[in-house]
Amino acid sequence: MLWYCAFTWYHHTNRQQVAQRILQQHEAGAHSNRTIRGWYNLAGGGSGFLVVDASTPQEVTAMLQPYMDLMSWDVRAIYALEYDQQIQEMRQLAGASV
């Protein structure tokens, strides 16, 4: 299952703290590129999101907890849509409601 994990650094958090924590967790084997499917920062810094592949919400929580003193999290389950299929379904739905 995929999870959208948006983060925002707390006002007291700095780049060095985040770098140290990420390296600490990486070297401990807490996460990898198999778990983190995407990692995006928002322009301006201090916020962004991860796309995490995990089977349960408990797995996601365990992965994010080591960072909770540095940043807040907004986590949601997500799923992919195929664009052309969605357009076809929308056409059917729009036609049915007319």
PDB file of N, CA and C in Angstrom:
ATOM      1  N   MET A   1       0.842  -1.162   0.000  1.00  0.00           N
ATOM      2  CA  MET A   1       0.000   0.000   0.000  1.00  0.00           C
ATOM      3  C   MET A   1       0.897   1.237   0.000  1.00  0.00           C
ATOM      4  N   LEU A   2       0.446   2.268  -0.707  1.00  0.00           N
ATOM      5  CA  LEU A   2       1.215   3.504  -0.763  1.00  0.00           C
ATOM      6  C   LEU A   2       0.647   4.540   0.199  1.00  0.00           C
ATOM      7  N   TRP A   3       1.551   5.333   0.758  1.00  0.00           N
ATOM      8  CA  TRP A   3       1.193   6.357   1.733  1.00  0.00           C
ATOM      9  C   TRP A   3       1.830   7.680   1.333  1.00  0.00           C
ATOM     10  N   TYR A   4       1.052   8.735   1.353  1.00  0.00           N
ATOM     11  CA  TYR A   4       1.530  10.104   1.147  1.00  0.00           C
ATOM     12  C   TYR A   4       1.848  10.652   2.531  1.00  0.00           C
ATOM     13  N   CYS A   5       3.106  11.025   2.743  1.00  0.00           N
ATOM     14  CA  CYS A   5       3.568  11.477   4.064  1.00  0.00           C
ATOM     15  C   CYS A   5       4.150  12.879   3.925  1.00  0.00           C
ATOM     16  N   ALA A   6       3.306  13.894   4.130  1.00  0.00           N
ATOM     17  CA  ALA A   6       3.757  15.282   4.033  1.00  0.00           C
ATOM     18  C   ALA A   6       4.435  15.684   5.331  1.00  0.00           C
ATOM     19  N   PHE A   7       5.547  16.409   5.209  1.00  0.00           N
ATOM     20  CA  PHE A   7       6.266  16.857   6.396  1.00  0.00           C
ATOM     21  C   PHE A   7       6.481  18.365   6.359  1.00  0.00           C
ATOM     22  N   THR A   8       6.514  18.947   7.546  1.00  0.00           N
ATOM     23  CA  THR A   8       6.860  20.359   7.730  1.00  0.00           C
ATOM     24  C   THR A   8       7.783  20.440   8.931  1.00  0.00           C
ATOM     25  N   TRP A   9       8.954  21.021   8.707  1.00  0.00           N
ATOM     26  CA  TRP A   9       9.910  21.162   9.805  1.00  0.00           C
ATOM     27  C   TRP A   9       9.362  22.114  10.852  1.00  0.00           C
ATOM     28  N   TYR A  10       9.648  21.820  12.118  1.00  0.00           N
ATOM     29  CA  TYR A  10       9.337  22.757  13.196  1.00  0.00           C
ATOM     30  C   TYR A  10      10.275  23.956  13.094  1.00  0.00           C
ATOM     31  N   HIS A  11       9.866  25.070  13.668  1.00  0.00           N
ATOM     32  CA  HIS A  11      10.638  26.309  13.541  1.00  0.00           C
ATOM     33  C   HIS A  11      12.058  26.188  14.101  1.00  0.00           C
ATOM     34  N   HIS A  12      12.286  25.302  15.054  1.00  0.00           N
ATOM     35  CA  HIS A  12      13.613  25.141  15.650  1.00  0.00           C
ATOM     36  C   HIS A  12      14.505  24.156  14.885  1.00  0.00           C
ATOM     37  N   THR A  13      13.973  23.497  13.861  1.00  0.00           N
ATOM     38  CA  THR A  13      14.705  22.464  13.127  1.00  0.00           C
ATOM     39  C   THR A  13      15.633  23.091  12.089  1.00  0.00           C
ATOM     40  N   ASN A  14      16.839  22.524  11.952  1.00  0.00           N
ATOM     41  CA  ASN A  14      17.760  23.009  10.920  1.00  0.00           C
ATOM     42  C   ASN A  14      18.224  21.853  10.039  1.00  0.00           C
ATOM     43  N   ARG A  15      18.880  22.198   8.938  1.00  0.00           N
ATOM     44  CA  ARG A  15      19.303  21.198   7.947  1.00  0.00           C
ATOM     45  C   ARG A  15      20.252  20.158   8.531  1.00  0.00           C
ATOM     46  N   GLN A  16      21.155  20.583   9.402  1.00  0.00           N
ATOM     47  CA  GLN A  16      22.116  19.656   9.981  1.00  0.00           C
ATOM     48  C   GLN A  16      21.406  18.593  10.822  1.00  0.00           C
ATOM     49  N   GLN A  17      20.409  18.998  11.608  1.00  0.00           N
ATOM     50  CA  GLN A  17      19.660  18.031  12.418  1.00  0.00           C
ATOM     51  C   GLN A  17      18.956  17.006  11.527  1.00  0.00           C
ATOM     52  N   VAL A  18      18.336  17.493  10.470  1.00  0.00           N
ATOM     53  CA  VAL A  18      17.614  16.596   9.566  1.00  0.00           C
ATOM     54  C   VAL A  18      18.599  15.649   8.884  1.00  0.00           C
ATOM     55  N   ALA A  19      19.714  16.179   8.402  1.00  0.00           N
ATOM     56  CA  ALA A  19      20.719  15.344   7.737  1.00  0.00           C
ATOM     57  C   ALA A  19      21.240  14.261   8.676  1.00  0.00           C
ATOM     58  N   GLN A  20      21.555  14.641   9.901  1.00  0.00           N
ATOM     59  CA  GLN A  20      22.067  13.667  10.872  1.00  0.00           C
ATOM     60  C   GLN A  20      21.049  12.563  11.138  1.00  0.00           C
ATOM     61  N   ARG A  21      19.779  12.942  11.301  1.00  0.00           N
ATOM     62  CA  ARG A  21      18.747  11.952  11.608  1.00  0.00           C
ATOM     63  C   ARG A  21      18.524  11.017  10.422  1.00  0.00           C
ATOM     64  N   ILE A  22      18.480  11.572   9.233  1.00  0.00           N
ATOM     65  CA  ILE A  22      18.281  10.734   8.042  1.00  0.00           C
ATOM     66  C   ILE A  22      19.416   9.729   7.913  1.00  0.00           C
ATOM     67  N   LEU A  23      20.650  10.193   8.057  1.00  0.00           N
ATOM     68  CA  LEU A  23      21.793   9.280   7.958  1.00  0.00           C
ATOM     69  C   LEU A  23      21.772   8.231   9.064  1.00  0.00           C
ATOM     70  N   GLN A  24      21.412   8.640  10.268  1.00  0.00           N
ATOM     71  CA  GLN A  24      21.322   7.705  11.394  1.00  0.00           C
ATOM     72  C   GLN A  24      20.316   6.604  11.083  1.00  0.00           C
ATOM     73  N   GLN A  25      19.139   6.981  10.594  1.00  0.00           N
ATOM     74  CA  GLN A  25      18.103   5.989  10.297  1.00  0.00           C
ATOM     75  C   GLN A  25      18.484   5.126   9.097  1.00  0.00           C
ATOM     76  N   HIS A  26      19.109   5.730   8.097  1.00  0.00           N
ATOM     77  CA  HIS A  26      19.554   4.977   6.926  1.00  0.00           C
ATOM     78  C   HIS A  26      20.584   3.927   7.324  1.00  0.00           C
ATOM     79  N   GLU A  27      21.586   4.345   8.087  1.00  0.00           N
ATOM     80  CA  GLU A  27      22.649   3.428   8.486  1.00  0.00           C
ATOM     81  C   GLU A  27      22.148   2.338   9.427  1.00  0.00           C
ATOM     82  N   ALA A  28      21.069   2.607  10.140  1.00  0.00           N
ATOM     83  CA  ALA A  28      20.461   1.594  11.005  1.00  0.00           C
ATOM     84  C   ALA A  28      19.561   0.642  10.216  1.00  0.00           C
ATOM     85  N   GLY A  29      19.383   0.915   8.922  1.00  0.00           N
ATOM     86  CA  GLY A  29      18.544   0.056   8.085  1.00  0.00           C
ATOM     87  C   GLY A  29      17.064   0.282   8.273  1.00  0.00           C
ATOM     88  N   ALA A  30      16.698   1.449   8.809  1.00  0.00           N
ATOM     89  CA  ALA A  30      15.289   1.727   9.107  1.00  0.00           C
ATOM     90  C   ALA A  30      14.455   1.968   7.864  1.00  0.00           C
ATOM     91  N   HIS A  31      15.077   2.395   6.780  1.00  0.00           N
ATOM     92  CA  HIS A  31      14.354   2.585   5.520  1.00  0.00           C
ATOM     93  C   HIS A  31      15.316   2.526   4.349  1.00  0.00           C
ATOM     94  N   SER A  32      14.750   2.369   3.159  1.00  0.00           N
ATOM     95  CA  SER A  32      15.558   2.226   1.950  1.00  0.00           C
ATOM     96  C   SER A  32      14.753   2.742   0.767  1.00  0.00           C
ATOM     97  N   ASN A  33      15.361   2.671  -0.415  1.00  0.00           N
ATOM     98  CA  ASN A  33      14.634   3.099  -1.608  1.00  0.00           C
ATOM     99  C   ASN A  33      13.530   2.112  -1.995  1.00  0.00           C
ATOM    100  N   ARG A  34      13.465   0.955  -1.367  1.00  0.00           N
ATOM    101  CA  ARG A  34      12.330   0.046  -1.578  1.00  0.00           C
ATOM    102  C   ARG A  34      11.124   0.515  -0.788  1.00  0.00           C
ATOM    103  N   THR A  35      11.376   1.130   0.360  1.00  0.00           N
ATOM    104  CA  THR A  35      10.289   1.641   1.199  1.00  0.00           C
ATOM    105  C   THR A  35       9.892   3.047   0.778  1.00  0.00           C
ATOM    106  N   ILE A  36      10.882   3.901   0.565  1.00  0.00           N
ATOM    107  CA  ILE A  36      10.609   5.277   0.140  1.00  0.00           C
ATOM    108  C   ILE A  36      10.596   5.293  -1.381  1.00  0.00           C
ATOM    109  N   ARG A  37       9.403   5.334  -1.958  1.00  0.00           N
ATOM    110  CA  ARG A  37       9.233   5.274  -3.406  1.00  0.00           C
ATOM    111  C   ARG A  37       9.448   6.621  -4.067  1.00  0.00           C
ATOM    112  N   GLY A  38       9.234   7.697  -3.310  1.00  0.00           N
ATOM    113  CA  GLY A  38       9.441   9.043  -3.825  1.00  0.00           C
ATOM    114  C   GLY A  38       9.742   9.980  -2.679  1.00  0.00           C
ATOM    115  N   TRP A  39      10.589  10.973  -2.942  1.00  0.00           N
ATOM    116  CA  TRP A  39      10.979  11.935  -1.903  1.00  0.00           C
ATOM    117  C   TRP A  39      11.033  13.282  -2.583  1.00  0.00           C
ATOM    118  N   TYR A  40      10.182  14.194  -2.149  1.00  0.00           N
ATOM    119  CA  TYR A  40      10.032  15.491  -2.798  1.00  0.00           C
ATOM    120  C   TYR A  40      10.104  16.606  -1.758  1.00  0.00           C
ATOM    121  N   ASN A  41      10.855  17.639  -2.073  1.00  0.00           N
ATOM    122  CA  ASN A  41      10.881  18.847  -1.255  1.00  0.00           C
ATOM    123  C   ASN A  41      10.103  19.934  -1.976  1.00  0.00           C
ATOM    124  N   LEU A  42       9.449  20.792  -1.210  1.00  0.00           N
ATOM    125  CA  LEU A  42       8.757  21.925  -1.788  1.00  0.00           C
ATOM    126  C   LEU A  42       9.743  23.080  -1.914  1.00  0.00           C
ATOM    127  N   ALA A  43       9.571  23.899  -2.936  1.00  0.00           N
ATOM    128  CA  ALA A  43      10.450  25.047  -3.143  1.00  0.00           C
ATOM    129  C   ALA A  43      10.435  25.913  -1.886  1.00  0.00           C
ATOM    130  N   GLY A  44      11.591  26.392  -1.506  1.00  0.00           N
ATOM    131  CA  GLY A  44      11.719  27.207  -0.305  1.00  0.00           C
ATOM    132  C   GLY A  44      12.256  26.438   0.881  1.00  0.00           C
ATOM    133  N   GLY A  45      12.131  25.133   0.876  1.00  0.00           N
ATOM    134  CA  GLY A  45      12.692  24.300   1.938  1.00  0.00           C
ATOM    135  C   GLY A  45      11.809  24.192   3.160  1.00  0.00           C
ATOM    136  N   GLY A  46      12.149  23.222   3.995  1.00  0.00           N
ATOM    137  CA  GLY A  46      11.455  23.031   5.255  1.00  0.00           C
ATOM    138  C   GLY A  46      10.166  22.244   5.177  1.00  0.00           C
ATOM    139  N   SER A  47       9.810  21.786   3.981  1.00  0.00           N
ATOM    140  CA  SER A  47       8.603  20.974   3.848  1.00  0.00           C
ATOM    141  C   SER A  47       8.682  20.164   2.562  1.00  0.00           C
ATOM    142  N   GLY A  48       7.866  19.148   2.492  1.00  0.00           N
ATOM    143  CA  GLY A  48       7.829  18.279   1.322  1.00  0.00           C
ATOM    144  C   GLY A  48       7.003  17.049   1.635  1.00  0.00           C
ATOM    145  N   PHE A  49       7.260  15.977   0.902  1.00  0.00           N
ATOM    146  CA  PHE A  49       6.521  14.744   1.171  1.00  0.00           C
ATOM    147  C   PHE A  49       7.295  13.539   0.674  1.00  0.00           C
ATOM    148  N   LEU A  50       6.962  12.405   1.270  1.00  0.00           N
ATOM    149  CA  LEU A  50       7.472  11.102   0.863  1.00  0.00           C
ATOM    150  C   LEU A  50       6.302  10.285   0.337  1.00  0.00           C
ATOM    151  N   VAL A  51       6.573   9.400  -0.610  1.00  0.00           N
ATOM    152  CA  VAL A  51       5.631   8.355  -0.980  1.00  0.00           C
ATOM    153  C   VAL A  51       6.250   7.068  -0.447  1.00  0.00           C
ATOM    154  N   VAL A  52       5.569   6.459   0.516  1.00  0.00           N
ATOM    155  CA  VAL A  52       6.098   5.307   1.254  1.00  0.00           C
ATOM    156  C   VAL A  52       5.294   4.066   0.901  1.00  0.00           C
ATOM    157  N   ASP A  53       5.990   2.967   0.675  1.00  0.00           N
ATOM    158  CA  ASP A  53       5.362   1.676   0.417  1.00  0.00           C
ATOM    159  C   ASP A  53       5.438   0.858   1.700  1.00  0.00           C
ATOM    160  N   ALA A  54       4.297   0.636   2.333  1.00  0.00           N
ATOM    161  CA  ALA A  54       4.234  -0.132   3.579  1.00  0.00           C
ATOM    162  C   ALA A  54       2.902  -0.864   3.644  1.00  0.00           C
ATOM    163  N   SER A  55       2.894  -2.006   4.279  1.00  0.00           N
ATOM    164  CA  SER A  55       1.690  -2.834   4.346  1.00  0.00           C
ATOM    165  C   SER A  55       0.659  -2.339   5.346  1.00  0.00           C
ATOM    166  N   THR A  56       1.130  -1.723   6.429  1.00  0.00           N
ATOM    167  CA  THR A  56       0.203  -1.323   7.496  1.00  0.00           C
ATOM    168  C   THR A  56       0.506   0.098   7.965  1.00  0.00           C
ATOM    169  N   PRO A  57      -0.495   0.754   8.566  1.00  0.00           N
ATOM    170  CA  PRO A  57      -0.232   2.071   9.134  1.00  0.00           C
ATOM    171  C   PRO A  57       0.795   2.012  10.268  1.00  0.00           C
ATOM    172  N   GLN A  58       0.866   0.880  10.941  1.00  0.00           N
ATOM    173  CA  GLN A  58       1.845   0.730  12.013  1.00  0.00           C
ATOM    174  C   GLN A  58       3.277   0.797  11.474  1.00  0.00           C
ATOM    175  N   GLU A  59       3.505   0.219  10.298  1.00  0.00           N
ATOM    176  CA  GLU A  59       4.827   0.289   9.671  1.00  0.00           C
ATOM    177  C   GLU A  59       5.194   1.733   9.331  1.00  0.00           C
ATOM    178  N   VAL A  60       4.227   2.476   8.815  1.00  0.00           N
ATOM    179  CA  VAL A  60       4.470   3.879   8.473  1.00  0.00           C
ATOM    180  C   VAL A  60       4.788   4.666   9.743  1.00  0.00           C
ATOM    181  N   THR A  61       4.006   4.453  10.774  1.00  0.00           N
ATOM    182  CA  THR A  61       4.229   5.153  12.042  1.00  0.00           C
ATOM    183  C   THR A  61       5.620   4.858  12.585  1.00  0.00           C
ATOM    184  N   ALA A  62       6.022   3.609  12.570  1.00  0.00           N
ATOM    185  CA  ALA A  62       7.341   3.228  13.074  1.00  0.00           C
ATOM    186  C   ALA A  62       8.453   3.905  12.278  1.00  0.00           C
ATOM    187  N   MET A  63       8.257   4.068  10.987  1.00  0.00           N
ATOM    188  CA  MET A  63       9.269   4.715  10.158  1.00  0.00           C
ATOM    189  C   MET A  63       9.361   6.217  10.426  1.00  0.00           C
ATOM    190  N   LEU A  64       8.234   6.860  10.694  1.00  0.00           N
ATOM    191  CA  LEU A  64       8.206   8.314  10.850  1.00  0.00           C
ATOM    192  C   LEU A  64       8.469   8.788  12.275  1.00  0.00           C
ATOM    193  N   GLN A  65       8.213   7.961  13.266  1.00  0.00           N
ATOM    194  CA  GLN A  65       8.376   8.368  14.664  1.00  0.00           C
ATOM    195  C   GLN A  65       9.758   8.924  15.001  1.00  0.00           C
ATOM    196  N   PRO A  66      10.855   8.379  14.475  1.00  0.00           N
ATOM    197  CA  PRO A  66      12.162   8.937  14.821  1.00  0.00           C
ATOM    198  C   PRO A  66      12.369  10.396  14.384  1.00  0.00           C
ATOM    199  N   TYR A  67      11.478  10.913  13.546  1.00  0.00           N
ATOM    200  CA  TYR A  67      11.607  12.285  13.053  1.00  0.00           C
ATOM    201  C   TYR A  67      10.620  13.250  13.713  1.00  0.00           C
ATOM    202  N   MET A  68       9.770  12.748  14.582  1.00  0.00           N
ATOM    203  CA  MET A  68       8.667  13.557  15.101  1.00  0.00           C
ATOM    204  C   MET A  68       9.099  14.706  16.009  1.00  0.00           C
ATOM    205  N   ASP A  69      10.331  14.696  16.491  1.00  0.00           N
ATOM    206  CA  ASP A  69      10.815  15.846  17.254  1.00  0.00           C
ATOM    207  C   ASP A  69      11.348  16.953  16.341  1.00  0.00           C
ATOM    208  N   LEU A  70      11.525  16.635  15.054  1.00  0.00           N
ATOM    209  CA  LEU A  70      12.053  17.601  14.088  1.00  0.00           C
ATOM    210  C   LEU A  70      11.004  18.171  13.144  1.00  0.00           C
ATOM    211  N   MET A  71       9.930  17.412  12.925  1.00  0.00           N
ATOM    212  CA  MET A  71       8.936  17.830  11.935  1.00  0.00           C
ATOM    213  C   MET A  71       7.576  17.207  12.235  1.00  0.00           C
ATOM    214  N   SER A  72       6.553  17.857  11.723  1.00  0.00           N
ATOM    215  CA  SER A  72       5.198  17.303  11.839  1.00  0.00           C
ATOM    216  C   SER A  72       4.883  16.525  10.562  1.00  0.00           C
ATOM    217  N   TRP A  73       3.937  15.604  10.674  1.00  0.00           N
ATOM    218  CA  TRP A  73       3.569  14.726   9.559  1.00  0.00           C
ATOM    219  C   TRP A  73       2.065  14.764   9.312  1.00  0.00           C
ATOM    220  N   ASP A  74       1.681  14.692   8.060  1.00  0.00           N
ATOM    221  CA  ASP A  74       0.296  14.503   7.640  1.00  0.00           C
ATOM    222  C   ASP A  74       0.323  13.294   6.714  1.00  0.00           C
ATOM    223  N   VAL A  75      -0.265  12.172   7.149  1.00  0.00           N
ATOM    224  CA  VAL A  75      -0.138  10.901   6.439  1.00  0.00           C
ATOM    225  C   VAL A  75      -1.503  10.459   5.928  1.00  0.00           C
ATOM    226  N   ARG A  76      -1.516  10.032   4.670  1.00  0.00           N
ATOM    227  CA  ARG A  76      -2.755   9.557   4.045  1.00  0.00           C
ATOM    228  C   ARG A  76      -2.462   8.371   3.127  1.00  0.00           C
ATOM    229  N   ALA A  77      -3.351   7.398   3.106  1.00  0.00           N
ATOM    230  CA  ALA A  77      -3.240   6.292   2.157  1.00  0.00           C
ATOM    231  C   ALA A  77      -3.590   6.817   0.769  1.00  0.00           C
ATOM    232  N   ILE A  78      -2.848   6.365  -0.250  1.00  0.00           N
ATOM    233  CA  ILE A  78      -3.096   6.822  -1.622  1.00  0.00           C
ATOM    234  C   ILE A  78      -3.140   5.631  -2.573  1.00  0.00           C
ATOM    235  N   TYR A  79      -3.707   5.869  -3.736  1.00  0.00           N
ATOM    236  CA  TYR A  79      -3.683   4.864  -4.797  1.00  0.00           C
ATOM    237  C   TYR A  79      -3.624   5.581  -6.141  1.00  0.00           C
ATOM    238  N   ALA A  80      -3.028   4.905  -7.109  1.00  0.00           N
ATOM    239  CA  ALA A  80      -2.822   5.490  -8.427  1.00  0.00           C
ATOM    240  C   ALA A  80      -4.067   5.334  -9.294  1.00  0.00           C
ATOM    241  N   LEU A  81      -4.259   6.291 -10.176  1.00  0.00           N
ATOM    242  CA  LEU A  81      -5.328   6.244 -11.162  1.00  0.00           C
ATOM    243  C   LEU A  81      -4.718   6.278 -12.555  1.00  0.00           C
ATOM    244  N   GLU A  82      -5.348   5.592 -13.487  1.00  0.00           N
ATOM    245  CA  GLU A  82      -4.908   5.628 -14.870  1.00  0.00           C
ATOM    246  C   GLU A  82      -5.734   6.698 -15.575  1.00  0.00           C
ATOM    247  N   TYR A  83      -5.067   7.709 -16.135  1.00  0.00           N
ATOM    248  CA  TYR A  83      -5.728   8.908 -16.643  1.00  0.00           C
ATOM    249  C   TYR A  83      -6.828   8.591 -17.668  1.00  0.00           C
ATOM    250  N   ASP A  84      -6.507   7.852 -18.721  1.00  0.00           N
ATOM    251  CA  ASP A  84      -7.494   7.592 -19.772  1.00  0.00           C
ATOM    252  C   ASP A  84      -8.717   6.848 -19.233  1.00  0.00           C
ATOM    253  N   GLN A  85      -8.492   5.906 -18.331  1.00  0.00           N
ATOM    254  CA  GLN A  85      -9.594   5.176 -17.723  1.00  0.00           C
ATOM    255  C   GLN A  85     -10.474   6.119 -16.904  1.00  0.00           C
ATOM    256  N   GLN A  86      -9.873   7.041 -16.179  1.00  0.00           N
ATOM    257  CA  GLN A  86     -10.639   7.994 -15.382  1.00  0.00           C
ATOM    258  C   GLN A  86     -11.473   8.914 -16.268  1.00  0.00           C
ATOM    259  N   ILE A  87     -10.911   9.360 -17.384  1.00  0.00           N
ATOM    260  CA  ILE A  87     -11.661  10.220 -18.313  1.00  0.00           C
ATOM    261  C   ILE A  87     -12.868   9.469 -18.848  1.00  0.00           C
ATOM    262  N   GLN A  88     -12.681   8.209 -19.201  1.00  0.00           N
ATOM    263  CA  GLN A  88     -13.803   7.403 -19.692  1.00  0.00           C
ATOM    264  C   GLN A  88     -14.885   7.262 -18.623  1.00  0.00           C
ATOM    265  N   GLU A  89     -14.494   6.995 -17.389  1.00  0.00           N
ATOM    266  CA  GLU A  89     -15.462   6.875 -16.299  1.00  0.00           C
ATOM    267  C   GLU A  89     -16.182   8.197 -16.055  1.00  0.00           C
ATOM    268  N   MET A  90     -15.461   9.307 -16.158  1.00  0.00           N
ATOM    269  CA  MET A  90     -16.080  10.627 -15.977  1.00  0.00           C
ATOM    270  C   MET A  90     -17.088  10.913 -17.084  1.00  0.00           C
ATOM    271  N   ARG A  91     -16.769  10.515 -18.306  1.00  0.00           N
ATOM    272  CA  ARG A  91     -17.723  10.679 -19.426  1.00  0.00           C
ATOM    273  C   ARG A  91     -19.005   9.882 -19.158  1.00  0.00           C
ATOM    274  N   GLN A  92     -18.832   8.652 -18.689  1.00  0.00           N
ATOM    275  CA  GLN A  92     -20.000   7.834 -18.387  1.00  0.00           C
ATOM    276  C   GLN A  92     -20.813   8.440 -17.264  1.00  0.00           C
ATOM    277  N   LEU A  93     -20.149   8.904 -16.218  1.00  0.00           N
ATOM    278  CA  LEU A  93     -20.815   9.500 -15.084  1.00  0.00           C
ATOM    279  C   LEU A  93     -21.542  10.784 -15.481  1.00  0.00           C
ATOM    280  N   ALA A  94     -20.883  11.625 -16.261  1.00  0.00           N
ATOM    281  CA  ALA A  94     -21.496  12.895 -16.694  1.00  0.00           C
ATOM    282  C   ALA A  94     -22.710  12.628 -17.590  1.00  0.00           C
ATOM    283  N   GLY A  95     -22.620  11.616 -18.441  1.00  0.00           N
ATOM    284  CA  GLY A  95     -23.742  11.276 -19.315  1.00  0.00           C
ATOM    285  C   GLY A  95     -24.913  10.692 -18.546  1.00  0.00           C
ATOM    286  N   ALA A  96     -24.629   9.945 -17.507  1.00  0.00           N
ATOM    287  CA  ALA A  96     -25.683   9.310 -16.720  1.00  0.00           C
ATOM    288  C   ALA A  96     -26.466  10.317 -15.893  1.00  0.00           C
ATOM    289  N   SER A  97     -25.828  11.434 -15.522  1.00  0.00           N
ATOM    290  CA  SER A  97     -26.503  12.393 -14.650  1.00  0.00           C
ATOM    291  C   SER A  97     -27.266  13.470 -15.418  1.00  0.00           C
ATOM    292  N   VAL A  98     -27.169  13.460 -16.751  1.00  0.00           N
ATOM    293  CA  VAL A  98     -27.852  14.483 -17.551  1.00  0.00           C
ATOM    294  C   VAL A  98     -29.287  14.119 -17.773  1.00  0.00           C
TER     295      VAL A  98
END
